[in-house]
Amino acid sequence: MLATKTQTAALVNLFHQGTRLTYKKGEFIIRPGETPPGIFYIEKGLVKAYDITKYGEENLLIVRKEREIFPLIWAITGQDRRVIYESLAPTEVWRLDRKIYINYIEKNSEVLAPLLDMTIEMYRLHSERIINLEYRTVRERLISFLLSTSDRFGKEVAGGIEIQVPLKQQDIASSINASRETTSRELNLLHRKGYVDSGRALIIIKDAKTLKSFL
């Protein structure tokens, strides 16, 4: 990463000049069709970014976590992509007016390094998703998705690595370009074989080594 602790602290302090907001799980932060009311820094929690397909289904784009900014593209370019942002857990954010944000970074170049780090990470995540779609079978794409998500949100617990994001099967399905029914069938198969535990709110990867061998 390019940013120093001092540079990152300067960016956080900038957002602390804004408005602190709290959201319960499932609340909209940016509603469907709404122009972003500002730029958000996540102090605590998880935020799901998604859009709605022409079939009326949610299409998961990315999950943002603490110490990340959204909507990042709009913050930098001003281009509104009409993305919906919803809290996946109790979440605390700082909201800053975009004009204040742009004016500050134009005069204080030290905050560009942490912003570049976040932009590179976003590019990496989206590139990883594109590469994941190159796998021919739903099973391979599902396994790749679970492993990459565990790298970002996993925590070691008794029995394996718990993916600490409450993902719906539709979220997973949209991420791997599969139907919810097929995704559910493949996830249940991995569960029966003992590779994952999907019978609870959060998925646990029990045998990452075997899963990696499928790829």
Protein backbone atom coordinates (compact mmCIF):
# COMPACT_ATOMS: atom_id res chain seq x y z
CA MET A 1 0.00 0.00 0.00
CA LEU A 2 1.18 3.53 -0.77
CA ALA A 3 -0.33 5.53 2.09
CA THR A 4 1.40 6.15 5.39
CA LYS A 5 -0.47 6.16 8.69
CA THR A 6 -0.21 9.94 8.77
CA GLN A 7 -1.73 10.29 5.30
CA THR A 8 -4.56 7.90 6.15
CA ALA A 9 -5.23 9.77 9.40
CA ALA A 10 -5.48 13.04 7.44
CA LEU A 11 -8.17 11.53 5.21
CA VAL A 12 -10.12 10.22 8.21
CA ASN A 13 -9.89 13.60 9.94
CA LEU A 14 -11.31 15.22 6.81
CA PHE A 15 -14.43 13.05 7.02
CA HIS A 16 -14.75 13.77 10.73
CA GLN A 17 -15.60 17.33 9.67
CA GLY A 18 -18.78 15.95 8.16
CA THR A 19 -21.93 14.44 9.66
CA ARG A 20 -21.91 11.20 11.64
CA LEU A 21 -24.80 8.88 10.76
CA THR A 22 -25.89 5.46 12.00
CA TYR A 23 -27.92 2.82 10.16
CA LYS A 24 -29.61 -0.36 11.23
CA LYS A 25 -29.15 -3.55 9.24
CA GLY A 26 -31.14 -3.37 6.00
CA GLU A 27 -31.50 0.43 5.88
CA PHE A 28 -30.83 2.35 2.68
CA ILE A 29 -27.88 4.73 2.75
CA ILE A 30 -28.32 5.76 -0.88
CA ARG A 31 -31.77 4.87 -2.14
CA PRO A 32 -32.74 3.55 -5.59
CA GLY A 33 -32.60 6.39 -8.13
CA GLU A 34 -31.18 8.85 -5.59
CA THR A 35 -28.22 11.08 -6.40
CA PRO A 36 -25.63 10.54 -3.64
CA PRO A 37 -26.15 13.17 -0.89
CA GLY A 38 -22.43 13.13 -0.14
CA ILE A 39 -19.36 10.95 0.19
CA PHE A 40 -19.35 8.37 2.95
CA TYR A 41 -16.53 6.97 5.10
CA ILE A 42 -17.39 3.75 6.93
CA GLU A 43 -16.35 3.96 10.57
CA LYS A 44 -17.93 0.60 11.43
CA GLY A 45 -20.09 -1.99 9.70
CA LEU A 46 -20.75 -3.31 6.19
CA VAL A 47 -22.37 -1.68 3.18
CA LYS A 48 -23.73 -3.56 0.18
CA ALA A 49 -23.56 -1.87 -3.25
CA TYR A 50 -25.93 -3.24 -5.87
CA ASP A 51 -28.19 -2.37 -8.77
CA ILE A 52 -31.42 -3.83 -10.10
CA THR A 53 -31.42 -5.84 -13.32
CA LYS A 54 -34.07 -5.49 -16.01
CA TYR A 55 -35.56 -8.71 -14.56
CA GLY A 56 -36.11 -7.00 -11.22
CA GLU A 57 -33.34 -8.91 -9.41
CA GLU A 58 -30.66 -7.46 -7.17
CA ASN A 59 -27.19 -7.58 -8.74
CA LEU A 60 -24.47 -7.44 -6.07
CA LEU A 61 -21.57 -5.24 -7.14
CA ILE A 62 -19.38 -5.10 -4.04
CA VAL A 63 -19.49 -5.08 -0.25
CA ARG A 64 -17.76 -2.17 1.42
CA LYS A 65 -16.24 -2.52 4.88
CA GLU A 66 -14.87 -0.25 7.60
CA ARG A 67 -12.24 2.34 6.62
CA GLU A 68 -13.51 2.45 3.03
CA ILE A 69 -15.18 5.26 1.07
CA PHE A 70 -18.22 5.14 -1.16
CA PRO A 71 -19.40 5.92 -3.78
CA LEU A 72 -15.76 6.11 -4.84
CA ILE A 73 -16.24 6.66 -8.59
CA TRP A 74 -18.76 9.46 -7.98
CA ALA A 75 -16.45 10.99 -5.37
CA ILE A 76 -13.61 11.22 -7.89
CA THR A 77 -15.40 11.85 -11.21
CA GLY A 78 -18.86 13.11 -10.28
CA GLN A 79 -20.42 10.46 -12.54
CA ASP A 80 -23.56 9.02 -10.95
CA ARG A 81 -24.00 5.30 -11.70
CA ARG A 82 -27.33 5.00 -9.84
CA VAL A 83 -25.94 2.35 -7.51
CA ILE A 84 -27.93 1.46 -4.39
CA TYR A 85 -26.15 1.31 -1.02
CA GLU A 86 -27.66 -0.60 1.89
CA SER A 87 -26.29 -1.50 5.32
CA LEU A 88 -25.65 -5.23 5.82
CA ALA A 89 -25.08 -4.79 9.55
CA PRO A 90 -25.40 -1.99 12.11
CA THR A 91 -23.24 0.65 10.46
CA GLU A 92 -21.69 3.99 11.39
CA VAL A 93 -20.55 6.38 8.66
CA TRP A 94 -19.33 9.94 8.22
CA ARG A 95 -20.93 11.86 5.36
CA LEU A 96 -19.05 14.72 3.71
CA ASP A 97 -20.23 17.16 1.06
CA ARG A 98 -18.51 16.41 -2.24
CA LYS A 99 -17.54 20.08 -2.80
CA ILE A 100 -15.71 20.15 0.54
CA TYR A 101 -14.04 16.85 -0.33
CA ILE A 102 -12.86 17.99 -3.79
CA ASN A 103 -11.69 21.36 -2.48
CA TYR A 104 -9.67 19.68 0.26
CA ILE A 105 -7.88 17.12 -1.91
CA GLU A 106 -7.00 19.80 -4.47
CA LYS A 107 -5.14 21.70 -1.75
CA ASN A 108 -3.81 18.78 0.32
CA SER A 109 -2.02 16.21 -1.80
CA GLU A 110 -1.16 14.00 1.19
CA VAL A 111 -4.63 12.43 1.10
CA LEU A 112 -4.20 11.27 -2.50
CA ALA A 113 -2.16 8.21 -1.47
CA PRO A 114 -4.92 6.55 0.63
CA LEU A 115 -7.45 7.40 -2.08
CA LEU A 116 -5.22 5.76 -4.66
CA ASP A 117 -4.90 2.70 -2.42
CA MET A 118 -8.71 2.42 -2.26
CA THR A 119 -9.05 2.88 -6.01
CA ILE A 120 -6.46 0.19 -6.74
CA GLU A 121 -8.18 -2.19 -4.33
CA MET A 122 -11.54 -1.57 -6.01
CA TYR A 123 -9.96 -2.22 -9.41
CA ARG A 124 -8.41 -5.43 -8.07
CA LEU A 125 -11.73 -6.67 -6.71
CA HIS A 126 -13.62 -5.99 -9.92
CA SER A 127 -10.84 -7.56 -11.99
CA GLU A 128 -10.98 -10.61 -9.76
CA ARG A 129 -14.71 -10.87 -10.38
CA ILE A 130 -14.18 -10.76 -14.16
CA ILE A 131 -11.52 -13.46 -13.93
CA ASN A 132 -13.89 -15.55 -11.80
CA LEU A 133 -16.47 -15.48 -14.61
CA GLU A 134 -13.95 -17.17 -16.93
CA TYR A 135 -14.54 -20.47 -15.12
CA ARG A 136 -16.87 -22.61 -17.18
CA THR A 137 -18.93 -24.26 -14.46
CA VAL A 138 -21.09 -22.71 -11.77
CA ARG A 139 -19.33 -24.89 -9.19
CA GLU A 140 -15.93 -23.45 -10.08
CA ARG A 141 -17.25 -19.89 -10.07
CA LEU A 142 -18.95 -20.49 -6.71
CA ILE A 143 -15.79 -21.91 -5.17
CA SER A 144 -13.70 -19.04 -6.53
CA PHE A 145 -16.21 -16.54 -5.12
CA LEU A 146 -16.22 -18.15 -1.68
CA LEU A 147 -12.43 -18.28 -1.49
CA SER A 148 -11.93 -14.68 -2.63
CA THR A 149 -14.65 -13.45 -0.26
CA SER A 150 -13.05 -15.33 2.61
CA ASP A 151 -9.74 -13.59 1.82
CA ARG A 152 -11.46 -10.23 2.29
CA PHE A 153 -13.93 -10.98 5.08
CA GLY A 154 -12.81 -14.29 6.58
CA LYS A 155 -12.05 -14.93 10.24
CA GLU A 156 -10.71 -18.14 11.71
CA VAL A 157 -13.21 -19.86 13.98
CA ALA A 158 -13.64 -23.34 15.35
CA GLY A 159 -14.11 -25.55 12.33
CA GLY A 160 -12.77 -23.30 9.60
CA ILE A 161 -12.88 -19.78 8.17
CA GLU A 162 -16.10 -17.85 8.69
CA ILE A 163 -17.08 -15.36 5.97
CA GLN A 164 -18.33 -12.52 8.13
CA VAL A 165 -20.77 -11.07 5.62
CA PRO A 166 -24.47 -12.06 5.69
CA LEU A 167 -24.83 -12.85 1.98
CA LYS A 168 -28.11 -13.99 0.48
CA GLN A 169 -28.00 -16.74 -2.12
CA GLN A 170 -29.22 -14.21 -4.69
CA ASP A 171 -26.17 -12.05 -3.88
CA ILE A 172 -23.87 -14.98 -4.55
CA ALA A 173 -25.78 -16.01 -7.67
CA SER A 174 -25.58 -12.55 -9.23
CA SER A 175 -21.85 -12.37 -8.48
CA ILE A 176 -21.12 -15.62 -10.31
CA ASN A 177 -23.60 -15.15 -13.18
CA ALA A 178 -25.83 -18.07 -12.21
CA SER A 179 -29.44 -18.60 -11.23
CA ARG A 180 -30.32 -18.66 -7.55
CA GLU A 181 -31.60 -22.22 -7.91
CA THR A 182 -28.36 -23.51 -9.44
CA THR A 183 -26.28 -21.62 -6.90
CA SER A 184 -28.34 -23.10 -4.06
CA ARG A 185 -27.92 -26.62 -5.47
CA GLU A 186 -24.14 -26.26 -5.81
CA LEU A 187 -23.78 -24.70 -2.36
CA ASN A 188 -25.78 -27.54 -0.83
CA LEU A 189 -23.53 -30.03 -2.59
CA LEU A 190 -20.40 -28.41 -1.12
CA HIS A 191 -22.15 -28.50 2.26
CA ARG A 192 -22.99 -32.22 1.99
CA LYS A 193 -19.42 -33.05 1.02
CA GLY A 194 -18.17 -31.23 4.11
CA TYR A 195 -16.22 -28.52 2.28
CA VAL A 196 -18.37 -25.68 3.65
CA ASP A 197 -20.97 -25.17 6.33
CA SER A 198 -23.83 -23.18 4.80
CA GLY A 199 -26.48 -24.15 7.31
CA ARG A 200 -26.21 -20.96 9.32
CA ALA A 201 -26.34 -17.19 8.84
CA LEU A 202 -22.66 -16.97 7.89
CA ILE A 203 -20.89 -19.45 5.61
CA ILE A 204 -17.87 -21.29 7.03
CA ILE A 205 -15.21 -22.70 4.73
CA LYS A 206 -14.17 -25.98 6.35
CA ASP A 207 -11.73 -27.32 3.74
CA ALA A 208 -10.11 -24.49 1.78
CA LYS A 209 -7.30 -26.71 0.53
CA THR A 210 -9.67 -29.11 -1.24
CA LEU A 211 -11.74 -26.24 -2.63
CA LYS A 212 -8.61 -24.66 -4.12
CA SER A 213 -7.76 -27.95 -5.81
CA PHE A 214 -10.95 -27.69 -7.89
CA LEU A 215 -9.59 -24.52 -9.46
